[in-house]
Amino acid sequence: MLLGMGLLCLAPVLAAWLAFVLLPPAGGASYGQLLPTQPFAGAEHPQWPRGQWVLAATLGSDCRDRCRQRWLAMKQIEKAQGEAAGRLTRVALLVSARPKDLDVPHALPHAPERVLLAGRQGFYLVDPLGNQVLFYRDGADPRRIIDEVAKVLKVNNGLG
């Protein structure tokens, strides 16, 4: 009788362990490229928006269709956050003259040799402490980015 009660208590633990070993969870995958925690190159600038989540990308006078689509997607991602949109802003790291017709809330001068996006077309999500978090390539699905950024902002509600 005592052995039967012990096995009955042990059964849920064994079942959970077998389920974990035989059917591992698929969670933990992010849509953007998760980056190692280190300071973002532009975050040391005095005009960097401190205490806010930032979508950051390079910008220059040679901004063509792909670049314009990137900035439009970044604007849509920011606006789609609803109440949390005030916690998120966009920053342009200028590598040359700024195009006049783009709506960019923060534009910071940036030395071309320090640009992180050399050879990589896309934008970064930077936390309020100035650390890089995620990288999104140009052409990524904005709906999935919106959902992922919303989750990051929700989980880190006390930050920024």
N, C-alpha and C. Protein backbone atom coordinates (compact mmCIF):
# COMPACT_ATOMS: atom_id res chain seq x y z
N MET A 1 0.82 -1.19 0.00
CA MET A 1 0.00 0.00 0.00
C MET A 1 0.87 1.26 0.00
N LEU A 2 1.91 1.28 0.85
CA LEU A 2 2.81 2.42 0.94
C LEU A 2 3.59 2.60 -0.36
N LEU A 3 4.01 1.51 -0.96
CA LEU A 3 4.73 1.56 -2.23
C LEU A 3 3.82 2.12 -3.34
N GLY A 4 2.58 1.72 -3.35
CA GLY A 4 1.61 2.23 -4.33
C GLY A 4 1.41 3.73 -4.19
N MET A 5 1.33 4.24 -2.96
CA MET A 5 1.17 5.67 -2.72
C MET A 5 2.42 6.44 -3.17
N GLY A 6 3.59 5.88 -2.93
CA GLY A 6 4.83 6.51 -3.36
C GLY A 6 4.91 6.59 -4.88
N LEU A 7 4.53 5.51 -5.56
CA LEU A 7 4.53 5.52 -7.03
C LEU A 7 3.50 6.50 -7.58
N LEU A 8 2.37 6.61 -6.92
CA LEU A 8 1.33 7.54 -7.34
C LEU A 8 1.82 8.99 -7.23
N CYS A 9 2.56 9.30 -6.20
CA CYS A 9 3.12 10.64 -6.03
C CYS A 9 4.26 10.90 -7.01
N LEU A 10 5.00 9.89 -7.35
CA LEU A 10 6.14 10.02 -8.25
C LEU A 10 5.74 10.05 -9.72
N ALA A 11 4.58 9.55 -10.05
CA ALA A 11 4.12 9.45 -11.44
C ALA A 11 4.09 10.80 -12.17
N PRO A 12 3.53 11.89 -11.60
CA PRO A 12 3.53 13.17 -12.33
C PRO A 12 4.93 13.71 -12.60
N VAL A 13 5.84 13.51 -11.67
CA VAL A 13 7.21 13.98 -11.86
C VAL A 13 7.88 13.20 -12.99
N LEU A 14 7.72 11.90 -13.00
CA LEU A 14 8.29 11.09 -14.08
C LEU A 14 7.66 11.42 -15.42
N ALA A 15 6.35 11.65 -15.45
CA ALA A 15 5.66 11.99 -16.70
C ALA A 15 6.17 13.34 -17.24
N ALA A 16 6.36 14.31 -16.37
CA ALA A 16 6.87 15.62 -16.80
C ALA A 16 8.29 15.49 -17.33
N TRP A 17 9.13 14.72 -16.66
CA TRP A 17 10.50 14.54 -17.11
C TRP A 17 10.54 13.85 -18.47
N LEU A 18 9.74 12.79 -18.66
CA LEU A 18 9.68 12.09 -19.94
C LEU A 18 9.18 13.01 -21.05
N ALA A 19 8.18 13.82 -20.76
CA ALA A 19 7.66 14.76 -21.76
C ALA A 19 8.73 15.77 -22.16
N PHE A 20 9.51 16.24 -21.19
CA PHE A 20 10.57 17.20 -21.47
C PHE A 20 11.67 16.57 -22.31
N VAL A 21 12.03 15.33 -22.03
CA VAL A 21 13.11 14.64 -22.76
C VAL A 21 12.64 14.24 -24.15
N LEU A 22 11.45 13.69 -24.27
CA LEU A 22 10.98 13.18 -25.55
C LEU A 22 10.36 14.26 -26.45
N LEU A 23 9.75 15.27 -25.87
CA LEU A 23 9.11 16.36 -26.61
C LEU A 23 9.63 17.69 -26.08
N PRO A 24 10.86 18.08 -26.42
CA PRO A 24 11.43 19.31 -25.86
C PRO A 24 10.62 20.53 -26.29
N PRO A 25 10.52 21.54 -25.42
CA PRO A 25 9.76 22.75 -25.76
C PRO A 25 10.42 23.51 -26.90
N ALA A 26 9.61 24.16 -27.73
CA ALA A 26 10.13 24.88 -28.89
C ALA A 26 10.26 26.37 -28.62
N GLY A 27 10.02 26.82 -27.41
CA GLY A 27 10.06 28.25 -27.09
C GLY A 27 11.46 28.82 -27.15
N GLY A 28 11.54 30.13 -27.01
CA GLY A 28 12.83 30.79 -26.94
C GLY A 28 13.34 31.32 -28.26
N ALA A 29 12.65 31.06 -29.35
CA ALA A 29 13.10 31.55 -30.64
C ALA A 29 12.57 32.97 -30.85
N SER A 30 13.43 33.87 -31.28
CA SER A 30 12.99 35.22 -31.58
C SER A 30 13.04 35.45 -33.08
N TYR A 31 12.23 36.38 -33.55
CA TYR A 31 12.19 36.68 -34.98
C TYR A 31 13.43 37.45 -35.41
N GLY A 32 13.84 38.41 -34.59
CA GLY A 32 15.05 39.16 -34.89
C GLY A 32 16.27 38.40 -34.42
N GLN A 33 17.43 38.88 -34.81
CA GLN A 33 18.68 38.25 -34.39
C GLN A 33 19.04 38.77 -33.00
N LEU A 34 19.05 37.88 -32.01
CA LEU A 34 19.39 38.25 -30.64
C LEU A 34 20.88 38.54 -30.58
N LEU A 35 21.24 39.69 -30.02
CA LEU A 35 22.62 40.14 -30.00
C LEU A 35 23.23 39.99 -28.61
N PRO A 36 24.54 39.83 -28.53
CA PRO A 36 25.18 39.76 -27.21
C PRO A 36 25.02 41.11 -26.50
N THR A 37 24.89 41.05 -25.19
CA THR A 37 24.70 42.28 -24.42
C THR A 37 26.00 43.07 -24.40
N GLN A 38 25.97 44.20 -25.07
CA GLN A 38 27.09 45.13 -25.06
C GLN A 38 26.56 46.50 -25.45
N PRO A 39 27.24 47.57 -25.08
CA PRO A 39 26.75 48.91 -25.40
C PRO A 39 26.65 49.12 -26.90
N PHE A 40 25.59 49.80 -27.31
CA PHE A 40 25.39 50.15 -28.71
C PHE A 40 26.32 51.31 -29.04
N ALA A 41 26.87 51.32 -30.25
CA ALA A 41 27.90 52.30 -30.62
C ALA A 41 27.43 53.75 -30.53
N GLY A 42 26.19 54.04 -30.84
CA GLY A 42 25.72 55.43 -30.82
C GLY A 42 25.20 55.88 -29.47
N ALA A 43 25.05 54.97 -28.51
CA ALA A 43 24.41 55.30 -27.23
C ALA A 43 25.26 56.21 -26.35
N GLU A 44 26.54 56.35 -26.65
CA GLU A 44 27.38 57.22 -25.83
C GLU A 44 27.25 58.69 -26.22
N HIS A 45 26.56 58.98 -27.33
CA HIS A 45 26.38 60.35 -27.79
C HIS A 45 25.54 61.14 -26.77
N PRO A 46 25.88 62.40 -26.49
CA PRO A 46 25.14 63.17 -25.50
C PRO A 46 23.66 63.38 -25.84
N GLN A 47 23.31 63.37 -27.12
CA GLN A 47 21.92 63.59 -27.51
C GLN A 47 21.12 62.29 -27.63
N TRP A 48 21.71 61.18 -27.28
CA TRP A 48 21.01 59.90 -27.33
C TRP A 48 19.81 59.96 -26.38
N PRO A 49 18.62 59.50 -26.80
CA PRO A 49 17.45 59.54 -25.92
C PRO A 49 17.55 58.53 -24.78
N ARG A 50 18.03 58.95 -23.65
CA ARG A 50 18.23 58.08 -22.50
C ARG A 50 16.89 57.70 -21.87
N GLY A 51 16.81 56.50 -21.36
CA GLY A 51 15.60 56.05 -20.68
C GLY A 51 14.49 55.61 -21.60
N GLN A 52 14.76 55.45 -22.89
CA GLN A 52 13.76 54.99 -23.85
C GLN A 52 14.31 53.83 -24.65
N TRP A 53 13.39 52.97 -25.09
CA TRP A 53 13.75 51.94 -26.05
C TRP A 53 13.94 52.64 -27.38
N VAL A 54 14.90 52.19 -28.18
CA VAL A 54 15.25 52.88 -29.42
C VAL A 54 15.32 51.90 -30.58
N LEU A 55 14.75 52.30 -31.71
CA LEU A 55 14.97 51.64 -32.98
C LEU A 55 16.00 52.49 -33.70
N ALA A 56 17.19 51.96 -33.95
CA ALA A 56 18.29 52.74 -34.51
C ALA A 56 18.78 52.13 -35.81
N ALA A 57 19.09 53.02 -36.77
CA ALA A 57 19.65 52.59 -38.05
C ALA A 57 20.49 53.73 -38.61
N THR A 58 21.35 53.38 -39.55
CA THR A 58 22.15 54.40 -40.21
C THR A 58 21.30 55.10 -41.26
N LEU A 59 21.70 56.33 -41.57
CA LEU A 59 20.98 57.12 -42.56
C LEU A 59 21.97 58.05 -43.23
N GLY A 60 21.85 58.17 -44.54
CA GLY A 60 22.72 59.07 -45.28
C GLY A 60 21.98 59.69 -46.44
N SER A 61 22.64 60.58 -47.15
CA SER A 61 22.00 61.28 -48.26
C SER A 61 21.70 60.35 -49.43
N ASP A 62 22.35 59.18 -49.46
CA ASP A 62 22.12 58.22 -50.54
C ASP A 62 20.96 57.28 -50.24
N CYS A 63 20.07 57.67 -49.34
CA CYS A 63 18.94 56.83 -48.94
C CYS A 63 18.01 56.62 -50.13
N ARG A 64 17.87 55.37 -50.54
CA ARG A 64 17.04 55.02 -51.69
C ARG A 64 15.80 54.26 -51.21
N ASP A 65 15.19 53.49 -52.08
CA ASP A 65 13.94 52.80 -51.78
C ASP A 65 14.02 51.90 -50.56
N ARG A 66 15.05 51.06 -50.48
CA ARG A 66 15.17 50.13 -49.35
C ARG A 66 15.30 50.89 -48.03
N CYS A 67 16.09 51.93 -48.04
CA CYS A 67 16.29 52.75 -46.85
C CYS A 67 14.98 53.43 -46.45
N ARG A 68 14.26 53.96 -47.41
CA ARG A 68 12.98 54.62 -47.11
C ARG A 68 11.96 53.62 -46.57
N GLN A 69 11.96 52.42 -47.11
CA GLN A 69 11.06 51.39 -46.60
C GLN A 69 11.42 51.01 -45.16
N ARG A 70 12.72 50.98 -44.85
CA ARG A 70 13.17 50.69 -43.49
C ARG A 70 12.62 51.73 -42.52
N TRP A 71 12.76 53.02 -42.89
CA TRP A 71 12.30 54.09 -41.99
C TRP A 71 10.78 54.10 -41.86
N LEU A 72 10.07 53.76 -42.92
CA LEU A 72 8.62 53.66 -42.85
C LEU A 72 8.22 52.50 -41.94
N ALA A 73 8.90 51.37 -42.06
CA ALA A 73 8.61 50.21 -41.20
C ALA A 73 8.91 50.54 -39.74
N MET A 74 10.02 51.24 -39.48
CA MET A 74 10.36 51.61 -38.11
C MET A 74 9.29 52.54 -37.52
N LYS A 75 8.79 53.46 -38.33
CA LYS A 75 7.74 54.37 -37.87
C LYS A 75 6.46 53.59 -37.56
N GLN A 76 6.10 52.63 -38.42
CA GLN A 76 4.91 51.82 -38.19
C GLN A 76 5.06 50.97 -36.93
N ILE A 77 6.25 50.42 -36.72
CA ILE A 77 6.50 49.61 -35.52
C ILE A 77 6.33 50.47 -34.27
N GLU A 78 6.85 51.68 -34.31
CA GLU A 78 6.73 52.59 -33.16
C GLU A 78 5.26 52.93 -32.90
N LYS A 79 4.53 53.31 -33.93
CA LYS A 79 3.12 53.73 -33.77
C LYS A 79 2.23 52.57 -33.36
N ALA A 80 2.56 51.36 -33.79
CA ALA A 80 1.71 50.19 -33.52
C ALA A 80 1.81 49.70 -32.07
N GLN A 81 2.68 50.30 -31.27
CA GLN A 81 2.83 49.85 -29.89
C GLN A 81 1.73 50.39 -28.97
N GLY A 82 0.86 51.22 -29.50
CA GLY A 82 -0.26 51.72 -28.70
C GLY A 82 0.21 52.57 -27.54
N GLU A 83 -0.22 52.21 -26.33
CA GLU A 83 0.15 52.97 -25.13
C GLU A 83 1.66 52.96 -24.90
N ALA A 84 2.32 51.91 -25.31
CA ALA A 84 3.77 51.79 -25.09
C ALA A 84 4.58 52.57 -26.12
N ALA A 85 3.92 53.22 -27.09
CA ALA A 85 4.64 53.96 -28.13
C ALA A 85 5.47 55.09 -27.53
N GLY A 86 5.07 55.63 -26.40
CA GLY A 86 5.83 56.68 -25.75
C GLY A 86 7.15 56.19 -25.16
N ARG A 87 7.29 54.89 -24.99
CA ARG A 87 8.53 54.30 -24.47
C ARG A 87 9.52 53.98 -25.57
N LEU A 88 9.13 54.15 -26.83
CA LEU A 88 9.93 53.75 -27.99
C LEU A 88 10.14 54.95 -28.90
N THR A 89 11.33 55.12 -29.42
CA THR A 89 11.61 56.19 -30.36
C THR A 89 12.55 55.69 -31.44
N ARG A 90 12.74 56.49 -32.48
CA ARG A 90 13.62 56.14 -33.59
C ARG A 90 14.81 57.09 -33.61
N VAL A 91 15.99 56.53 -33.92
CA VAL A 91 17.22 57.32 -33.99
C VAL A 91 17.93 57.01 -35.30
N ALA A 92 18.36 58.08 -35.97
CA ALA A 92 19.16 57.93 -37.18
C ALA A 92 20.61 58.24 -36.85
N LEU A 93 21.50 57.32 -37.19
CA LEU A 93 22.93 57.55 -37.06
C LEU A 93 23.41 58.05 -38.41
N LEU A 94 23.66 59.34 -38.51
CA LEU A 94 23.98 59.97 -39.79
C LEU A 94 25.41 59.67 -40.22
N VAL A 95 25.54 59.13 -41.42
CA VAL A 95 26.87 58.88 -41.98
C VAL A 95 27.18 59.89 -43.07
N SER A 96 26.19 60.66 -43.48
CA SER A 96 26.36 61.76 -44.42
C SER A 96 25.17 62.69 -44.20
N ALA A 97 24.94 63.60 -45.12
CA ALA A 97 23.84 64.56 -44.96
C ALA A 97 22.50 63.84 -44.84
N ARG A 98 21.63 64.41 -44.03
CA ARG A 98 20.30 63.82 -43.79
C ARG A 98 19.34 64.18 -44.92
N PRO A 99 18.62 63.20 -45.47
CA PRO A 99 17.59 63.51 -46.46
C PRO A 99 16.50 64.38 -45.83
N LYS A 100 16.05 65.38 -46.54
CA LYS A 100 15.10 66.35 -45.98
C LYS A 100 13.69 65.79 -45.83
N ASP A 101 13.31 64.82 -46.64
CA ASP A 101 11.92 64.38 -46.67
C ASP A 101 11.59 63.20 -45.75
N LEU A 102 12.53 62.75 -44.91
CA LEU A 102 12.27 61.64 -43.99
C LEU A 102 11.93 62.17 -42.60
N ASP A 103 10.92 61.58 -41.98
CA ASP A 103 10.50 61.94 -40.63
C ASP A 103 11.33 61.12 -39.64
N VAL A 104 12.35 61.76 -39.07
CA VAL A 104 13.24 61.10 -38.11
C VAL A 104 13.27 61.95 -36.84
N PRO A 105 12.76 61.42 -35.70
CA PRO A 105 12.72 62.22 -34.48
C PRO A 105 14.09 62.60 -33.93
N HIS A 106 15.05 61.69 -34.00
CA HIS A 106 16.40 61.97 -33.47
C HIS A 106 17.42 61.60 -34.52
N ALA A 107 18.26 62.56 -34.88
CA ALA A 107 19.34 62.32 -35.83
C ALA A 107 20.65 62.70 -35.16
N LEU A 108 21.58 61.75 -35.09
CA LEU A 108 22.86 61.97 -34.42
C LEU A 108 24.00 61.81 -35.41
N PRO A 109 24.97 62.72 -35.38
CA PRO A 109 26.14 62.52 -36.24
C PRO A 109 26.90 61.28 -35.79
N HIS A 110 27.41 60.55 -36.76
CA HIS A 110 28.08 59.30 -36.42
C HIS A 110 29.22 59.08 -37.41
N ALA A 111 30.39 58.73 -36.91
CA ALA A 111 31.54 58.48 -37.77
C ALA A 111 31.32 57.20 -38.56
N PRO A 112 31.49 57.24 -39.89
CA PRO A 112 31.25 56.05 -40.71
C PRO A 112 32.04 54.81 -40.29
N GLU A 113 33.24 54.99 -39.74
CA GLU A 113 34.03 53.82 -39.36
C GLU A 113 33.46 53.13 -38.11
N ARG A 114 32.58 53.78 -37.38
CA ARG A 114 31.99 53.19 -36.18
C ARG A 114 30.62 52.59 -36.46
N VAL A 115 30.17 52.67 -37.69
CA VAL A 115 28.83 52.18 -38.01
C VAL A 115 28.77 50.67 -37.88
N LEU A 116 27.81 50.20 -37.09
CA LEU A 116 27.68 48.77 -36.86
C LEU A 116 27.07 48.05 -38.06
N LEU A 117 26.36 48.78 -38.89
CA LEU A 117 25.63 48.14 -39.96
C LEU A 117 26.44 47.96 -41.23
N ALA A 118 27.73 48.12 -41.16
CA ALA A 118 28.55 47.95 -42.36
C ALA A 118 28.31 46.58 -42.96
N GLY A 119 27.71 46.55 -44.12
CA GLY A 119 27.41 45.29 -44.79
C GLY A 119 26.11 44.66 -44.34
N ARG A 120 25.47 45.22 -43.32
CA ARG A 120 24.21 44.68 -42.81
C ARG A 120 23.13 45.73 -43.00
N GLN A 121 22.11 45.39 -43.72
CA GLN A 121 21.03 46.32 -43.97
C GLN A 121 19.86 46.01 -43.05
N GLY A 122 19.57 46.93 -42.14
CA GLY A 122 18.48 46.73 -41.21
C GLY A 122 18.57 47.73 -40.07
N PHE A 123 17.94 47.38 -38.94
CA PHE A 123 17.94 48.28 -37.79
C PHE A 123 18.02 47.49 -36.49
N TYR A 124 18.40 48.21 -35.44
CA TYR A 124 18.62 47.63 -34.13
C TYR A 124 17.53 48.06 -33.15
N LEU A 125 17.24 47.19 -32.19
CA LEU A 125 16.45 47.55 -31.02
C LEU A 125 17.44 47.69 -29.88
N VAL A 126 17.44 48.87 -29.23
CA VAL A 126 18.38 49.18 -28.16
C VAL A 126 17.58 49.45 -26.89
N ASP A 127 18.02 48.89 -25.78
CA ASP A 127 17.29 49.07 -24.52
C ASP A 127 17.57 50.45 -23.90
N PRO A 128 16.79 50.84 -22.87
CA PRO A 128 16.96 52.17 -22.26
C PRO A 128 18.32 52.39 -21.60
N LEU A 129 19.06 51.33 -21.35
CA LEU A 129 20.40 51.47 -20.76
C LEU A 129 21.48 51.64 -21.83
N GLY A 130 21.08 51.59 -23.11
CA GLY A 130 22.03 51.77 -24.20
C GLY A 130 22.65 50.48 -24.71
N ASN A 131 22.11 49.34 -24.34
CA ASN A 131 22.64 48.05 -24.81
C ASN A 131 21.86 47.57 -26.02
N GLN A 132 22.57 47.01 -26.99
CA GLN A 132 21.90 46.43 -28.15
C GLN A 132 21.15 45.18 -27.73
N VAL A 133 19.97 44.95 -28.32
CA VAL A 133 19.16 43.79 -27.95
C VAL A 133 18.91 42.90 -29.15
N LEU A 134 18.30 43.45 -30.20
CA LEU A 134 17.93 42.68 -31.38
C LEU A 134 18.32 43.42 -32.65
N PHE A 135 18.55 42.67 -33.72
CA PHE A 135 18.79 43.23 -35.05
C PHE A 135 17.76 42.65 -36.00
N TYR A 136 17.14 43.52 -36.79
CA TYR A 136 16.16 43.11 -37.79
C TYR A 136 16.67 43.50 -39.18
N ARG A 137 16.68 42.55 -40.09
CA ARG A 137 17.12 42.81 -41.47
C ARG A 137 16.03 43.53 -42.24
N ASP A 138 16.44 44.27 -43.25
CA ASP A 138 15.48 44.90 -44.15
C ASP A 138 14.62 43.81 -44.79
N GLY A 139 13.36 44.11 -44.99
CA GLY A 139 12.46 43.16 -45.62
C GLY A 139 11.83 42.19 -44.65
N ALA A 140 12.16 42.29 -43.35
CA ALA A 140 11.54 41.42 -42.36
C ALA A 140 10.06 41.78 -42.22
N ASP A 141 9.25 40.82 -41.82
CA ASP A 141 7.81 41.01 -41.69
C ASP A 141 7.51 41.99 -40.56
N PRO A 142 6.98 43.19 -40.87
CA PRO A 142 6.72 44.18 -39.82
C PRO A 142 5.73 43.69 -38.77
N ARG A 143 4.77 42.87 -39.14
CA ARG A 143 3.77 42.37 -38.18
C ARG A 143 4.47 41.53 -37.09
N ARG A 144 5.39 40.68 -37.50
CA ARG A 144 6.11 39.85 -36.52
C ARG A 144 7.04 40.71 -35.66
N ILE A 145 7.64 41.73 -36.26
CA ILE A 145 8.49 42.64 -35.48
C ILE A 145 7.65 43.40 -34.46
N ILE A 146 6.48 43.88 -34.88
CA ILE A 146 5.58 44.60 -33.97
C ILE A 146 5.23 43.72 -32.78
N ASP A 147 4.88 42.47 -33.05
CA ASP A 147 4.52 41.55 -31.97
C ASP A 147 5.70 41.30 -31.03
N GLU A 148 6.89 41.11 -31.61
CA GLU A 148 8.05 40.82 -30.79
C GLU A 148 8.46 42.03 -29.95
N VAL A 149 8.45 43.22 -30.54
CA VAL A 149 8.80 44.43 -29.79
C VAL A 149 7.77 44.67 -28.68
N ALA A 150 6.49 44.41 -28.96
CA ALA A 150 5.45 44.56 -27.93
C ALA A 150 5.72 43.62 -26.76
N LYS A 151 6.13 42.38 -27.04
CA LYS A 151 6.44 41.44 -25.97
C LYS A 151 7.65 41.90 -25.16
N VAL A 152 8.67 42.39 -25.84
CA VAL A 152 9.88 42.87 -25.15
C VAL A 152 9.51 44.04 -24.24
N LEU A 153 8.71 44.97 -24.74
CA LEU A 153 8.31 46.13 -23.92
C LEU A 153 7.45 45.71 -22.74
N LYS A 154 6.56 44.72 -22.96
CA LYS A 154 5.69 44.25 -21.88
C LYS A 154 6.48 43.54 -20.80
N VAL A 155 7.38 42.66 -21.20
CA VAL A 155 8.16 41.89 -20.23
C VAL A 155 9.10 42.81 -19.44
N ASN A 156 9.58 43.86 -20.09
CA ASN A 156 10.49 44.80 -19.44
C ASN A 156 9.77 46.09 -19.09
N ASN A 157 8.60 45.98 -18.49
CA ASN A 157 7.77 47.13 -18.20
C ASN A 157 8.44 48.12 -17.25
N GLY A 158 9.25 47.67 -16.33
CA GLY A 158 9.91 48.57 -15.40
C GLY A 158 11.14 49.24 -15.98
N LEU A 159 11.53 48.86 -17.18
CA LEU A 159 12.73 49.40 -17.82
C LEU A 159 12.31 50.34 -18.93
N GLY A 160 12.53 51.61 -18.75
CA GLY A 160 12.20 52.59 -19.78
C GLY A 160 10.78 52.95 -19.89
